[in-house]
Amino acid sequence: MTGKLIWLVGPSGSGKDSLLAALRQQEHPQMLVAHRYITRAANAGNENHIALSEHEFFTRAERQLFALSWHANALYYGVGIEIDVWLHAGFDVVVNGSRAHLPQAQARYADALLPVCLHVSPDVLRDRLEQRGRETAKEIEQRLDRAARYTPSGCLMLNNDGSLLQSVDTFLHMIRTHGNQKESQHVL
């Protein structure tokens, strides 16, 4: 593979969907943002995803049409096999990944994988979860607890407490810097 798979992870409410939407609005000649296939309604949340019934999801899974798939929060998620074509064509591909399934992505993509962990402070995370209005107070507390317990390792850390524009700029700088470091390592 010549492209990188950028596996963007972070707690629910950390701003992954907003960051990906902002990336889609800009022109990046060598970067594509993948959509996910999810067993939830098309109008649920802000994520650009393909809504599938469980039957459709399992039919695609049985036919090996997902590069990666997982189950979380009572839903099934998949990333289409098309990302492998994009990676082989030299594109860097950004995926809204799963923290719990990072090892699965590492096993499949090895050195082509670049995990980026989105981090927000607990107060900012609480505010964002409350503002989006999708979870009950109990669910918000559960998400905050899960976020506090998660300590990512092997990720580039991206703080998303600030403005969306600032986070996009920092994200792109991190990707370029990491790519340049990899290239110089191969030259040596």
Protein backbone atom coordinates (compact mmCIF):
# COMPACT_ATOMS: atom_id res chain seq x y z
CA MET A 1 0.00 0.00 0.00
CA THR A 2 1.24 3.44 -0.76
CA GLY A 3 -1.35 5.50 1.15
CA LYS A 4 -1.93 5.80 4.89
CA LEU A 5 -5.08 4.77 6.68
CA ILE A 6 -5.71 7.52 9.22
CA TRP A 7 -7.80 5.93 11.97
CA LEU A 8 -9.48 8.82 13.80
CA VAL A 9 -10.74 7.85 17.24
CA GLY A 10 -12.07 9.62 20.28
CA PRO A 11 -14.95 9.55 22.72
CA SER A 12 -18.48 10.16 21.58
CA GLY A 13 -18.96 13.93 21.47
CA SER A 14 -15.26 14.72 20.95
CA GLY A 15 -15.94 16.21 17.52
CA LYS A 16 -14.96 13.46 15.08
CA ASP A 17 -17.96 14.01 12.81
CA SER A 18 -17.42 17.78 12.77
CA LEU A 19 -13.72 17.35 11.97
CA LEU A 20 -14.48 14.90 9.14
CA ALA A 21 -17.21 17.15 7.72
CA ALA A 22 -14.78 20.09 7.72
CA LEU A 23 -12.13 17.98 5.97
CA ARG A 24 -14.68 17.05 3.28
CA GLN A 25 -15.29 20.74 2.60
CA GLN A 26 -11.65 21.39 1.73
CA GLU A 27 -9.70 20.19 -1.26
CA HIS A 28 -7.05 17.61 -0.43
CA PRO A 29 -5.75 16.07 -3.65
CA GLN A 30 -4.25 13.00 -1.96
CA MET A 31 -6.72 12.53 0.91
CA LEU A 32 -10.15 10.94 0.97
CA VAL A 33 -12.59 10.74 3.88
CA ALA A 34 -14.33 7.38 3.97
CA HIS A 35 -17.94 6.96 4.99
CA ARG A 36 -19.07 4.14 7.24
CA TYR A 37 -21.90 1.65 6.83
CA ILE A 38 -23.98 1.66 10.03
CA THR A 39 -27.16 -0.07 11.18
CA ARG A 40 -28.81 3.21 12.19
CA ALA A 41 -31.13 5.63 10.45
CA ALA A 42 -29.62 7.91 7.81
CA ASN A 43 -30.82 11.01 9.67
CA ALA A 44 -29.34 9.96 13.05
CA GLY A 45 -26.53 12.26 14.09
CA ASN A 46 -24.28 14.33 11.85
CA GLU A 47 -22.15 11.57 10.39
CA ASN A 48 -21.98 11.01 6.66
CA HIS A 49 -22.85 7.31 6.65
CA ILE A 50 -24.73 4.71 4.67
CA ALA A 51 -27.67 3.38 6.66
CA LEU A 52 -28.11 -0.39 6.46
CA SER A 53 -30.55 -2.83 8.01
CA GLU A 54 -28.93 -5.61 10.00
CA HIS A 55 -29.82 -8.01 7.17
CA GLU A 56 -28.04 -5.77 4.63
CA PHE A 57 -25.06 -5.41 6.95
CA PHE A 58 -24.63 -9.15 7.47
CA THR A 59 -25.11 -9.86 3.76
CA ARG A 60 -22.25 -7.48 2.97
CA ALA A 61 -20.12 -8.92 5.79
CA GLU A 62 -20.66 -12.48 4.53
CA ARG A 63 -19.54 -11.41 1.06
CA GLN A 64 -16.43 -9.74 2.55
CA LEU A 65 -17.39 -6.25 1.38
CA PHE A 66 -16.04 -4.64 4.56
CA ALA A 67 -12.36 -3.97 5.10
CA LEU A 68 -13.14 -3.65 8.81
CA SER A 69 -16.32 -4.07 10.85
CA TRP A 70 -17.33 -4.02 14.50
CA HIS A 71 -20.23 -3.90 16.94
CA ALA A 72 -20.55 -1.04 19.45
CA ASN A 73 -23.32 0.87 21.21
CA ALA A 74 -25.92 -1.69 19.99
CA LEU A 75 -25.05 -0.90 16.34
CA TYR A 76 -22.97 -2.54 13.62
CA TYR A 77 -20.31 -0.49 11.84
CA GLY A 78 -18.36 -1.27 8.70
CA VAL A 79 -15.79 0.40 6.48
CA GLY A 80 -16.08 -0.66 2.86
CA ILE A 81 -13.42 -2.63 1.03
CA GLU A 82 -13.14 0.33 -1.37
CA ILE A 83 -10.68 1.92 1.05
CA ASP A 84 -8.11 -0.71 0.04
CA VAL A 85 -8.41 0.40 -3.60
CA TRP A 86 -7.96 4.03 -2.55
CA LEU A 87 -4.90 3.19 -0.42
CA HIS A 88 -3.32 1.20 -3.26
CA ALA A 89 -3.94 4.17 -5.57
CA GLY A 90 -1.82 6.31 -3.23
CA PHE A 91 -4.53 8.18 -1.35
CA ASP A 92 -4.41 8.76 2.37
CA VAL A 93 -7.80 7.66 3.72
CA VAL A 94 -9.35 9.09 6.89
CA VAL A 95 -11.77 6.81 8.74
CA ASN A 96 -13.96 7.49 11.75
CA GLY A 97 -12.66 4.48 13.66
CA SER A 98 -13.35 2.75 16.92
CA ARG A 99 -11.05 3.02 19.93
CA ALA A 100 -11.88 -0.53 21.00
CA HIS A 101 -11.17 -1.90 17.52
CA LEU A 102 -7.86 -0.17 16.93
CA PRO A 103 -6.02 -3.52 17.32
CA GLN A 104 -8.14 -4.96 14.50
CA ALA A 105 -7.12 -2.06 12.25
CA GLN A 106 -3.47 -2.43 13.30
CA ALA A 107 -3.52 -6.14 12.47
CA ARG A 108 -4.91 -5.53 8.98
CA TYR A 109 -3.01 -2.37 7.99
CA ALA A 110 0.22 -2.57 10.05
CA ASP A 111 2.64 0.20 8.97
CA ALA A 112 0.05 1.82 6.68
CA LEU A 113 -2.08 2.68 9.73
CA LEU A 114 -1.79 6.07 11.42
CA PRO A 115 -4.00 6.28 14.54
CA VAL A 116 -5.03 9.80 15.58
CA CYS A 117 -6.72 10.16 18.97
CA LEU A 118 -9.03 13.12 19.40
CA HIS A 119 -8.97 14.43 22.95
CA VAL A 120 -11.23 16.93 24.68
CA SER A 121 -11.32 17.97 28.32
CA PRO A 122 -14.14 16.49 30.44
CA ASP A 123 -15.98 19.84 30.75
CA VAL A 124 -15.93 20.41 26.98
CA LEU A 125 -17.05 16.83 26.36
CA ARG A 126 -19.96 17.19 28.80
CA ASP A 127 -21.06 20.44 27.15
CA ARG A 128 -20.94 18.90 23.67
CA LEU A 129 -22.87 15.81 24.71
CA GLU A 130 -25.54 17.92 26.39
CA GLN A 131 -25.82 20.29 23.41
CA ARG A 132 -26.31 17.55 20.84
CA GLY A 133 -29.26 16.17 22.81
CA ARG A 134 -28.96 12.52 21.70
CA GLU A 135 -28.27 10.98 25.10
CA THR A 136 -30.06 10.94 28.43
CA ALA A 137 -28.29 12.34 31.50
CA LYS A 138 -27.42 8.77 32.53
CA GLU A 139 -25.99 7.97 29.09
CA ILE A 140 -23.91 11.16 29.21
CA GLU A 141 -22.46 10.11 32.55
CA GLN A 142 -21.67 6.66 31.12
CA ARG A 143 -19.93 8.21 28.10
CA LEU A 144 -17.93 10.57 30.34
CA ASP A 145 -16.90 7.65 32.53
CA ARG A 146 -15.88 5.57 29.50
CA ALA A 147 -13.89 8.52 28.10
CA ALA A 148 -12.08 9.02 31.43
CA ARG A 149 -11.06 5.35 31.59
CA TYR A 150 -9.72 5.22 28.05
CA THR A 151 -6.01 5.85 27.75
CA PRO A 152 -4.90 5.53 24.14
CA SER A 153 -1.46 4.31 23.28
CA GLY A 154 0.37 4.52 20.00
CA CYS A 155 -1.74 7.42 18.74
CA LEU A 156 -0.92 10.91 17.61
CA MET A 157 -2.87 13.07 20.07
CA LEU A 158 -5.04 15.89 18.75
CA ASN A 159 -6.64 18.24 21.29
CA ASN A 160 -10.06 19.36 20.08
CA ASP A 161 -10.99 21.81 22.86
CA GLY A 162 -10.51 24.80 20.58
CA SER A 163 -12.11 25.90 17.35
CA LEU A 164 -12.90 23.46 14.56
CA LEU A 165 -10.69 25.40 12.13
CA GLN A 166 -7.77 25.16 14.56
CA SER A 167 -8.30 21.39 14.93
CA VAL A 168 -8.46 20.87 11.15
CA ASP A 169 -5.22 22.84 10.65
CA THR A 170 -3.48 20.92 13.45
CA PHE A 171 -4.76 17.58 12.07
CA LEU A 172 -3.45 18.33 8.56
CA HIS A 173 -0.11 19.51 9.96
CA MET A 174 0.20 16.30 11.99
CA ILE A 175 -0.53 14.14 8.94
CA ARG A 176 1.97 16.03 6.76
CA THR A 177 4.64 15.97 9.47
CA HIS A 178 4.17 12.25 10.09
CA GLY A 179 4.27 11.53 6.35
CA ASN A 180 7.51 13.50 5.95
CA GLN A 181 9.08 11.65 8.89
CA LYS A 182 8.14 8.29 7.33
CA GLU A 183 9.59 9.29 3.96
CA SER A 184 12.89 10.40 5.51
CA GLN A 185 13.12 7.10 7.42
CA HIS A 186 12.78 5.15 4.15
CA VAL A 187 15.47 7.25 2.48
CA LEU A 188 18.06 6.53 5.20
